[in-house]
Amino acid sequence: MMHITVRDNSETLAVDVMDGGASTSETLENNHLEPLRHARARHALIRGLMDDVSIVSDQEGTVVHMEKRRAT
């Protein structure tokens, strides 16, 4: 299951996407190359569009945190 949280204020838009899926590092360890190619493409797109991106994975799942600063 996926959970999305959006926070909006006068300076930034922040989005957290949380799921119980495998992280990219787990994909590497399991040697599933096709999902890894898609993950890399998504990561490149996200990093190109957002100002700040972090990805944290643990045994409970993965959280992708994204922030976009508002134009001044």
N, C-alpha and C. Protein backbone atom coordinates (compact mmCIF):
# COMPACT_ATOMS: atom_id res chain seq x y z
N MET A 1 0.84 -1.17 0.00
CA MET A 1 0.00 0.00 0.00
C MET A 1 0.89 1.24 0.00
N MET A 2 0.44 2.29 -0.68
CA MET A 2 1.18 3.53 -0.78
C MET A 2 0.44 4.62 -0.01
N HIS A 3 1.21 5.49 0.65
CA HIS A 3 0.64 6.60 1.40
C HIS A 3 1.37 7.87 0.95
N ILE A 4 0.61 8.91 0.60
CA ILE A 4 1.18 10.17 0.12
C ILE A 4 0.76 11.29 1.05
N THR A 5 1.74 12.08 1.49
CA THR A 5 1.49 13.25 2.33
C THR A 5 2.01 14.48 1.60
N VAL A 6 1.18 15.53 1.54
CA VAL A 6 1.56 16.78 0.88
C VAL A 6 1.44 17.90 1.89
N ARG A 7 2.50 18.71 1.98
CA ARG A 7 2.50 19.89 2.85
C ARG A 7 2.83 21.10 2.00
N ASP A 8 2.04 22.14 2.16
CA ASP A 8 2.18 23.33 1.34
C ASP A 8 2.26 24.54 2.27
N ASN A 9 3.28 25.36 2.08
CA ASN A 9 3.34 26.62 2.82
C ASN A 9 3.82 27.70 1.86
N SER A 10 4.04 28.87 2.35
CA SER A 10 4.39 30.00 1.49
C SER A 10 5.76 29.86 0.83
N GLU A 11 6.63 28.99 1.37
CA GLU A 11 7.98 28.85 0.83
C GLU A 11 8.21 27.57 0.03
N THR A 12 7.58 26.45 0.44
CA THR A 12 7.85 25.18 -0.22
C THR A 12 6.59 24.31 -0.35
N LEU A 13 6.68 23.40 -1.29
CA LEU A 13 5.72 22.31 -1.41
C LEU A 13 6.51 21.05 -1.11
N ALA A 14 6.08 20.27 -0.12
CA ALA A 14 6.77 19.04 0.26
C ALA A 14 5.84 17.86 0.06
N VAL A 15 6.39 16.79 -0.50
CA VAL A 15 5.62 15.58 -0.75
C VAL A 15 6.41 14.39 -0.22
N ASP A 16 5.76 13.54 0.56
CA ASP A 16 6.34 12.28 1.02
C ASP A 16 5.53 11.15 0.43
N VAL A 17 6.20 10.22 -0.21
CA VAL A 17 5.56 9.02 -0.75
C VAL A 17 6.13 7.84 0.02
N MET A 18 5.26 7.10 0.71
CA MET A 18 5.69 5.98 1.54
C MET A 18 5.05 4.70 1.05
N ASP A 19 5.85 3.63 0.99
CA ASP A 19 5.29 2.32 0.66
C ASP A 19 6.07 1.23 1.35
N GLY A 20 5.57 0.04 1.27
CA GLY A 20 6.22 -1.10 1.91
C GLY A 20 7.07 -1.89 0.93
N GLY A 21 7.41 -1.29 -0.21
CA GLY A 21 8.14 -1.99 -1.25
C GLY A 21 9.64 -2.02 -1.03
N ALA A 22 10.29 -2.78 -1.87
CA ALA A 22 11.74 -2.94 -1.81
C ALA A 22 12.44 -1.67 -2.27
N SER A 23 13.54 -1.38 -1.65
CA SER A 23 14.33 -0.22 -2.05
C SER A 23 15.21 -0.58 -3.23
N THR A 24 15.85 0.44 -3.81
CA THR A 24 16.77 0.22 -4.92
C THR A 24 17.93 -0.65 -4.48
N SER A 25 18.43 -0.47 -3.26
CA SER A 25 19.55 -1.28 -2.78
C SER A 25 19.14 -2.75 -2.69
N GLU A 26 17.90 -3.02 -2.28
CA GLU A 26 17.42 -4.40 -2.24
C GLU A 26 17.31 -4.95 -3.65
N THR A 27 16.89 -4.12 -4.58
CA THR A 27 16.80 -4.56 -5.97
C THR A 27 18.18 -4.93 -6.50
N LEU A 28 19.18 -4.11 -6.16
CA LEU A 28 20.55 -4.42 -6.56
C LEU A 28 21.01 -5.76 -5.99
N GLU A 29 20.75 -5.97 -4.71
CA GLU A 29 21.17 -7.20 -4.05
C GLU A 29 20.51 -8.41 -4.69
N ASN A 30 19.27 -8.29 -5.11
CA ASN A 30 18.55 -9.40 -5.71
C ASN A 30 18.81 -9.51 -7.21
N ASN A 31 19.60 -8.57 -7.77
CA ASN A 31 20.01 -8.59 -9.17
C ASN A 31 18.82 -8.56 -10.13
N HIS A 32 17.81 -7.79 -9.85
CA HIS A 32 16.69 -7.58 -10.77
C HIS A 32 16.98 -6.30 -11.55
N LEU A 33 17.57 -6.43 -12.70
CA LEU A 33 18.05 -5.26 -13.43
C LEU A 33 16.94 -4.42 -14.05
N GLU A 34 15.89 -5.03 -14.56
CA GLU A 34 14.84 -4.24 -15.21
C GLU A 34 14.16 -3.27 -14.24
N PRO A 35 13.71 -3.70 -13.05
CA PRO A 35 13.15 -2.72 -12.11
C PRO A 35 14.15 -1.63 -11.74
N LEU A 36 15.42 -1.99 -11.67
CA LEU A 36 16.46 -1.01 -11.33
C LEU A 36 16.55 0.07 -12.40
N ARG A 37 16.49 -0.31 -13.67
CA ARG A 37 16.53 0.68 -14.76
C ARG A 37 15.39 1.68 -14.64
N HIS A 38 14.19 1.17 -14.35
CA HIS A 38 13.04 2.05 -14.20
C HIS A 38 13.19 2.94 -12.97
N ALA A 39 13.71 2.39 -11.88
CA ALA A 39 13.91 3.19 -10.66
C ALA A 39 14.91 4.30 -10.92
N ARG A 40 15.99 4.02 -11.63
CA ARG A 40 16.99 5.06 -11.93
C ARG A 40 16.38 6.17 -12.78
N ALA A 41 15.55 5.80 -13.75
CA ALA A 41 14.91 6.80 -14.60
C ALA A 41 13.96 7.68 -13.79
N ARG A 42 13.19 7.06 -12.89
CA ARG A 42 12.28 7.84 -12.04
C ARG A 42 13.07 8.75 -11.11
N HIS A 43 14.14 8.25 -10.52
CA HIS A 43 14.96 9.07 -9.62
C HIS A 43 15.54 10.27 -10.36
N ALA A 44 16.04 10.05 -11.58
CA ALA A 44 16.61 11.16 -12.36
C ALA A 44 15.54 12.20 -12.67
N LEU A 45 14.34 11.77 -13.02
CA LEU A 45 13.25 12.70 -13.31
C LEU A 45 12.87 13.50 -12.07
N ILE A 46 12.71 12.81 -10.95
CA ILE A 46 12.34 13.48 -9.69
C ILE A 46 13.41 14.50 -9.31
N ARG A 47 14.69 14.10 -9.36
CA ARG A 47 15.78 15.01 -8.98
C ARG A 47 15.86 16.21 -9.93
N GLY A 48 15.48 16.02 -11.19
CA GLY A 48 15.49 17.12 -12.14
C GLY A 48 14.37 18.13 -11.89
N LEU A 49 13.25 17.65 -11.37
CA LEU A 49 12.10 18.53 -11.15
C LEU A 49 12.07 19.18 -9.77
N MET A 50 12.62 18.52 -8.77
CA MET A 50 12.52 18.98 -7.39
C MET A 50 13.83 19.64 -6.94
N ASP A 51 13.75 20.46 -5.90
CA ASP A 51 14.93 21.11 -5.35
C ASP A 51 15.65 20.25 -4.32
N ASP A 52 14.91 19.41 -3.62
CA ASP A 52 15.50 18.55 -2.59
C ASP A 52 14.80 17.20 -2.63
N VAL A 53 15.58 16.13 -2.66
CA VAL A 53 15.03 14.77 -2.69
C VAL A 53 15.85 13.90 -1.75
N SER A 54 15.15 13.12 -0.93
CA SER A 54 15.83 12.11 -0.13
C SER A 54 15.03 10.83 -0.19
N ILE A 55 15.74 9.71 -0.16
CA ILE A 55 15.10 8.40 -0.19
C ILE A 55 15.66 7.59 0.97
N VAL A 56 14.76 7.14 1.84
CA VAL A 56 15.16 6.36 3.00
C VAL A 56 14.41 5.03 2.97
N SER A 57 15.16 3.94 3.11
CA SER A 57 14.56 2.61 3.12
C SER A 57 14.97 1.86 4.38
N ASP A 58 14.04 1.09 4.90
CA ASP A 58 14.34 0.19 6.00
C ASP A 58 13.47 -1.04 5.85
N GLN A 59 13.42 -1.87 6.87
CA GLN A 59 12.66 -3.11 6.79
C GLN A 59 11.15 -2.88 6.65
N GLU A 60 10.68 -1.69 6.98
CA GLU A 60 9.24 -1.39 6.88
C GLU A 60 8.84 -0.81 5.53
N GLY A 61 9.81 -0.38 4.73
CA GLY A 61 9.48 0.17 3.42
C GLY A 61 10.39 1.31 3.02
N THR A 62 9.90 2.12 2.10
CA THR A 62 10.68 3.21 1.53
C THR A 62 9.88 4.51 1.62
N VAL A 63 10.59 5.60 1.95
CA VAL A 63 9.99 6.94 1.96
C VAL A 63 10.80 7.81 1.00
N VAL A 64 10.10 8.40 0.02
CA VAL A 64 10.72 9.37 -0.87
C VAL A 64 10.19 10.73 -0.45
N HIS A 65 11.09 11.61 -0.01
CA HIS A 65 10.75 12.96 0.41
C HIS A 65 11.21 13.92 -0.67
N MET A 66 10.29 14.78 -1.15
CA MET A 66 10.58 15.72 -2.21
C MET A 66 10.13 17.13 -1.80
N GLU A 67 10.95 18.12 -2.10
CA GLU A 67 10.58 19.51 -1.84
C GLU A 67 10.86 20.37 -3.04
N LYS A 68 9.94 21.29 -3.28
CA LYS A 68 10.10 22.28 -4.35
C LYS A 68 9.92 23.66 -3.75
N ARG A 69 10.94 24.51 -3.87
CA ARG A 69 10.84 25.88 -3.36
C ARG A 69 10.00 26.71 -4.32
N ARG A 70 9.21 27.59 -3.75
CA ARG A 70 8.39 28.49 -4.56
C ARG A 70 9.26 29.59 -5.17
N ALA A 71 8.90 30.01 -6.34
CA ALA A 71 9.60 31.11 -7.00
C ALA A 71 9.38 32.39 -6.20
N THR A 72 10.41 33.20 -6.09
CA THR A 72 10.28 34.47 -5.36
C THR A 72 10.22 35.64 -6.28
